[in-house]
Amino acid sequence: MSDTAVRIVVAEDEPIIRLDLAETLRSEGYDVVADTGRGDEAVALVKTHAPDLVLLDVKMPGLDGISAAGTIAEETRTAVVVLTAFSQRDLIERAVEAGAMTYLVKPYQRAELVAAIETALARFREYALLEEQVSDLSERLEVRKLIDRAKGRLIDDHNMSENDAFRFLQQQAMSSRRSMADLADDVLSGKKIG
C-alpha cells in the first residue's frame, strides 16, 4: 500500500447505513471506490476495483458477508473487515476463519471504525509479509535439495568428497556467472560441466 488514500469497497444492505458509512470514510480520508447492498456484488466489485480493503456486512442478500469474505480472501489481495449487529462468538470465529482480518459490532463509533480499518490493514500487511517469507523459504529449501542431489551425483560419478562437490558447483557457478541451482540442474540432467 502506498502513500495514496486507502481504497475501500463498502458492502452494507441498509442504504442509509451504507451512505453514512461511505461519507464517514471519505471524511476520514479514505477513498470509497464502490459500494453495494449485496454480497455477490461486493465480490465482483472487489475483483473489478482491487481495493486495499472491503467492509462487509454479515447479513446481505445474494451472498452473506462471511461467504463473501471467504471468496474475497481466496481470490484477491484485499483486507476484509466484517460488520455485524451481533457479537456472537461463533459468528466472529466463522468470519475470521473465512479471512476477515477483524470485525466491528454495530452500532460503532467513528474512532472504532477507523481503528478496525487500520488494524485490518496492519494485519493484512503482516500476513502478506509472512506469506512472502514462507514462499521464499520454500524456494530456498527446494534449491538446497537440488544442490544436495547434484552433490550426491558428483560424489557418486566422480568420487568427490561432499566438500569438493560443493566447491566444484560453487566455482563453476562463479566462473560461468550462473546460479548454483542452474548448474545443479545440469549435473542432474547429465550435461557436461567445466
Protein backbone atom coordinates (compact mmCIF):
# COMPACT_ATOMS: atom_id res chain seq x y z
CA MET A 1 0.00 0.00 0.00
CA SER A 2 1.33 3.39 -0.94
CA ASP A 3 1.02 6.93 0.37
CA THR A 4 -2.20 7.41 -1.58
CA ALA A 5 -5.55 7.11 0.17
CA VAL A 6 -6.62 3.63 1.19
CA ARG A 7 -9.15 2.36 -1.35
CA ILE A 8 -12.27 0.76 0.13
CA VAL A 9 -15.35 -1.10 -1.14
CA VAL A 10 -18.36 -0.88 1.18
CA ALA A 11 -20.96 -3.66 1.25
CA GLU A 12 -23.94 -2.95 3.53
CA ASP A 13 -27.53 -3.89 2.70
CA GLU A 14 -29.14 -0.95 4.52
CA PRO A 15 -28.90 2.02 2.09
CA ILE A 16 -28.89 4.71 4.80
CA ILE A 17 -26.17 2.96 6.81
CA ARG A 18 -24.17 2.34 3.61
CA LEU A 19 -24.39 6.03 2.63
CA ASP A 20 -23.41 7.16 6.14
CA LEU A 21 -20.54 4.70 6.21
CA ALA A 22 -19.22 5.90 2.82
CA GLU A 23 -19.47 9.56 3.89
CA THR A 24 -17.72 8.83 7.20
CA LEU A 25 -14.92 7.00 5.43
CA ARG A 26 -14.43 9.81 2.91
CA SER A 27 -14.32 12.39 5.69
CA GLU A 28 -11.60 10.30 7.35
CA GLY A 29 -9.51 10.45 4.16
CA TYR A 30 -10.32 7.03 2.71
CA ASP A 31 -11.22 6.57 -0.95
CA VAL A 32 -14.54 4.70 -1.26
CA VAL A 33 -14.22 3.29 -4.78
CA ALA A 34 -17.56 1.43 -4.81
CA ASP A 35 -20.46 0.37 -2.64
CA THR A 36 -23.25 -2.18 -2.80
CA GLY A 37 -26.01 -3.77 -0.79
CA ARG A 38 -25.33 -7.33 -1.99
CA GLY A 39 -22.60 -9.79 -1.06
CA ASP A 40 -22.26 -11.26 -4.55
CA GLU A 41 -21.86 -7.76 -5.99
CA ALA A 42 -19.25 -6.99 -3.33
CA VAL A 43 -17.13 -9.90 -4.58
CA ALA A 44 -17.43 -8.62 -8.16
CA LEU A 45 -16.61 -5.04 -7.13
CA VAL A 46 -13.51 -6.16 -5.28
CA LYS A 47 -12.33 -8.04 -8.37
CA THR A 48 -13.03 -5.00 -10.56
CA HIS A 49 -11.57 -2.26 -8.35
CA ALA A 50 -8.83 -4.17 -6.46
CA PRO A 51 -9.28 -2.11 -3.28
CA ASP A 52 -6.99 -2.24 -0.27
CA LEU A 53 -9.91 -3.16 2.00
CA VAL A 54 -13.54 -4.23 1.86
CA LEU A 55 -16.13 -3.66 4.59
CA LEU A 56 -18.74 -6.44 4.56
CA ASP A 57 -21.99 -6.55 6.49
CA VAL A 58 -22.72 -10.10 7.67
CA LYS A 59 -26.40 -10.14 6.60
CA MET A 60 -26.78 -9.32 2.90
CA PRO A 61 -28.78 -10.71 0.01
CA GLY A 62 -27.07 -12.59 -2.79
CA LEU A 63 -24.23 -13.82 -0.60
CA ASP A 64 -23.80 -13.26 3.11
CA GLY A 65 -20.78 -11.32 4.32
CA ILE A 66 -18.95 -14.34 5.72
CA SER A 67 -19.23 -16.27 2.44
CA ALA A 68 -18.20 -13.15 0.52
CA ALA A 69 -15.21 -12.73 2.87
CA GLY A 70 -14.12 -16.30 2.13
CA THR A 71 -14.32 -15.78 -1.62
CA ILE A 72 -12.51 -12.45 -1.46
CA ALA A 73 -9.76 -13.80 0.79
CA GLU A 74 -9.18 -16.75 -1.57
CA GLU A 75 -9.25 -14.84 -4.83
CA THR A 76 -7.81 -11.38 -4.14
CA ARG A 77 -5.21 -9.43 -2.17
CA THR A 78 -7.71 -7.39 -0.17
CA ALA A 79 -8.07 -6.95 3.58
CA VAL A 80 -11.53 -7.75 4.93
CA VAL A 81 -13.45 -6.16 7.81
CA VAL A 82 -16.78 -7.73 8.76
CA LEU A 83 -19.57 -5.54 10.14
CA THR A 84 -22.14 -7.25 12.32
CA ALA A 85 -25.02 -6.34 14.58
CA PHE A 86 -24.27 -9.48 16.57
CA SER A 87 -21.30 -10.13 18.83
CA GLN A 88 -21.81 -13.88 18.88
CA ARG A 89 -18.54 -15.72 19.35
CA ASP A 90 -19.26 -18.42 16.73
CA LEU A 91 -20.16 -15.80 14.12
CA ILE A 92 -16.93 -13.92 14.77
CA GLU A 93 -14.89 -17.14 14.61
CA ARG A 94 -16.51 -18.03 11.27
CA ALA A 95 -15.70 -14.56 9.94
CA VAL A 96 -12.05 -14.87 10.96
CA GLU A 97 -11.82 -18.39 9.50
CA ALA A 98 -13.27 -17.01 6.25
CA GLY A 99 -10.45 -14.48 6.03
CA ALA A 100 -11.64 -11.39 7.89
CA MET A 101 -8.76 -9.51 9.50
CA THR A 102 -11.07 -8.00 12.12
CA TYR A 103 -14.73 -7.26 12.82
CA LEU A 104 -16.80 -4.36 14.06
CA VAL A 105 -20.04 -4.65 16.03
CA LYS A 106 -22.79 -2.19 15.06
CA PRO A 107 -23.57 0.41 16.24
CA TYR A 108 -19.99 1.65 16.32
CA GLN A 109 -18.25 4.96 16.87
CA ARG A 110 -16.21 6.68 14.16
CA ALA A 111 -12.99 6.05 16.11
CA GLU A 112 -13.82 2.33 16.32
CA LEU A 113 -14.37 2.21 12.56
CA VAL A 114 -11.01 3.84 11.83
CA ALA A 115 -9.28 1.59 14.38
CA ALA A 116 -10.82 -1.53 12.80
CA ILE A 117 -9.71 -0.45 9.32
CA GLU A 118 -6.17 0.36 10.42
CA THR A 119 -5.95 -2.89 12.41
CA ALA A 120 -7.16 -4.92 9.42
CA LEU A 121 -4.67 -3.22 7.09
CA ALA A 122 -1.79 -3.80 9.51
CA ARG A 123 -2.73 -7.46 10.00
CA PHE A 124 -3.11 -7.91 6.26
CA ARG A 125 0.35 -6.46 5.62
CA GLU A 126 1.84 -8.76 8.29
CA TYR A 127 0.06 -11.75 6.76
CA ALA A 128 1.29 -10.85 3.25
CA LEU A 129 4.85 -10.50 4.55
CA LEU A 130 4.65 -13.90 6.25
CA GLU A 131 3.34 -15.45 3.03
CA GLU A 132 6.31 -13.96 1.14
CA GLN A 133 8.76 -15.26 3.73
CA VAL A 134 7.24 -18.75 3.66
CA SER A 135 7.36 -18.74 -0.12
CA ASP A 136 10.99 -17.57 -0.07
CA LEU A 137 11.95 -20.23 2.48
CA SER A 138 10.17 -22.93 0.47
CA GLU A 139 12.02 -21.82 -2.64
CA ARG A 140 15.34 -21.84 -0.81
CA LEU A 141 14.65 -25.31 0.55
CA GLU A 142 13.94 -26.60 -2.96
CA VAL A 143 17.20 -25.07 -4.25
CA ARG A 144 19.07 -26.61 -1.34
CA LYS A 145 17.59 -30.05 -2.10
CA LEU A 146 18.53 -29.64 -5.78
CA ILE A 147 22.13 -28.75 -4.90
CA ASP A 148 22.33 -31.66 -2.44
CA ARG A 149 21.14 -34.08 -5.15
CA ALA A 150 23.73 -32.67 -7.56
CA LYS A 151 26.45 -33.03 -4.92
CA GLY A 152 25.35 -36.64 -4.47
CA ARG A 153 25.64 -37.24 -8.21
CA LEU A 154 29.13 -35.70 -8.28
CA ILE A 155 30.17 -37.81 -5.28
CA ASP A 156 28.90 -40.99 -6.94
CA ASP A 157 30.06 -40.29 -10.51
CA HIS A 158 33.39 -38.57 -9.83
CA ASN A 159 34.41 -39.95 -6.48
CA MET A 160 34.43 -36.49 -4.88
CA SER A 161 34.01 -35.67 -1.23
CA GLU A 162 30.93 -33.66 -0.26
CA ASN A 163 33.07 -30.54 0.30
CA ASP A 164 34.79 -30.98 -3.05
CA ALA A 165 31.44 -31.43 -4.81
CA PHE A 166 30.08 -28.25 -3.22
CA ARG A 167 33.24 -26.27 -4.05
CA PHE A 168 33.09 -27.56 -7.64
CA LEU A 169 29.49 -26.35 -8.04
CA GLN A 170 30.33 -23.04 -6.40
CA GLN A 171 33.41 -22.41 -8.57
CA GLN A 172 31.59 -23.40 -11.77
CA ALA A 173 28.72 -21.07 -10.86
CA MET A 174 31.10 -18.16 -10.32
CA SER A 175 33.17 -18.76 -13.43
CA SER A 176 30.13 -19.24 -15.69
CA ARG A 177 28.11 -16.49 -13.98
CA ARG A 178 25.21 -18.84 -13.43
CA SER A 179 23.31 -19.85 -10.33
CA MET A 180 24.26 -22.96 -8.41
CA ALA A 181 20.71 -24.19 -8.97
CA ASP A 182 21.17 -24.00 -12.76
CA LEU A 183 24.45 -25.91 -12.52
CA ALA A 184 22.84 -28.47 -10.23
CA ASP A 185 20.16 -28.96 -12.88
CA ASP A 186 22.87 -29.53 -15.50
CA VAL A 187 24.64 -32.07 -13.28
CA LEU A 188 21.40 -33.95 -12.66
CA SER A 189 20.47 -33.96 -16.35
CA GLY A 190 23.93 -35.32 -17.27
CA LYS A 191 25.23 -32.26 -19.12
CA LYS A 192 28.99 -31.80 -19.27
CA ILE A 193 30.20 -29.06 -16.92
CA GLY A 194 33.51 -27.28 -16.86
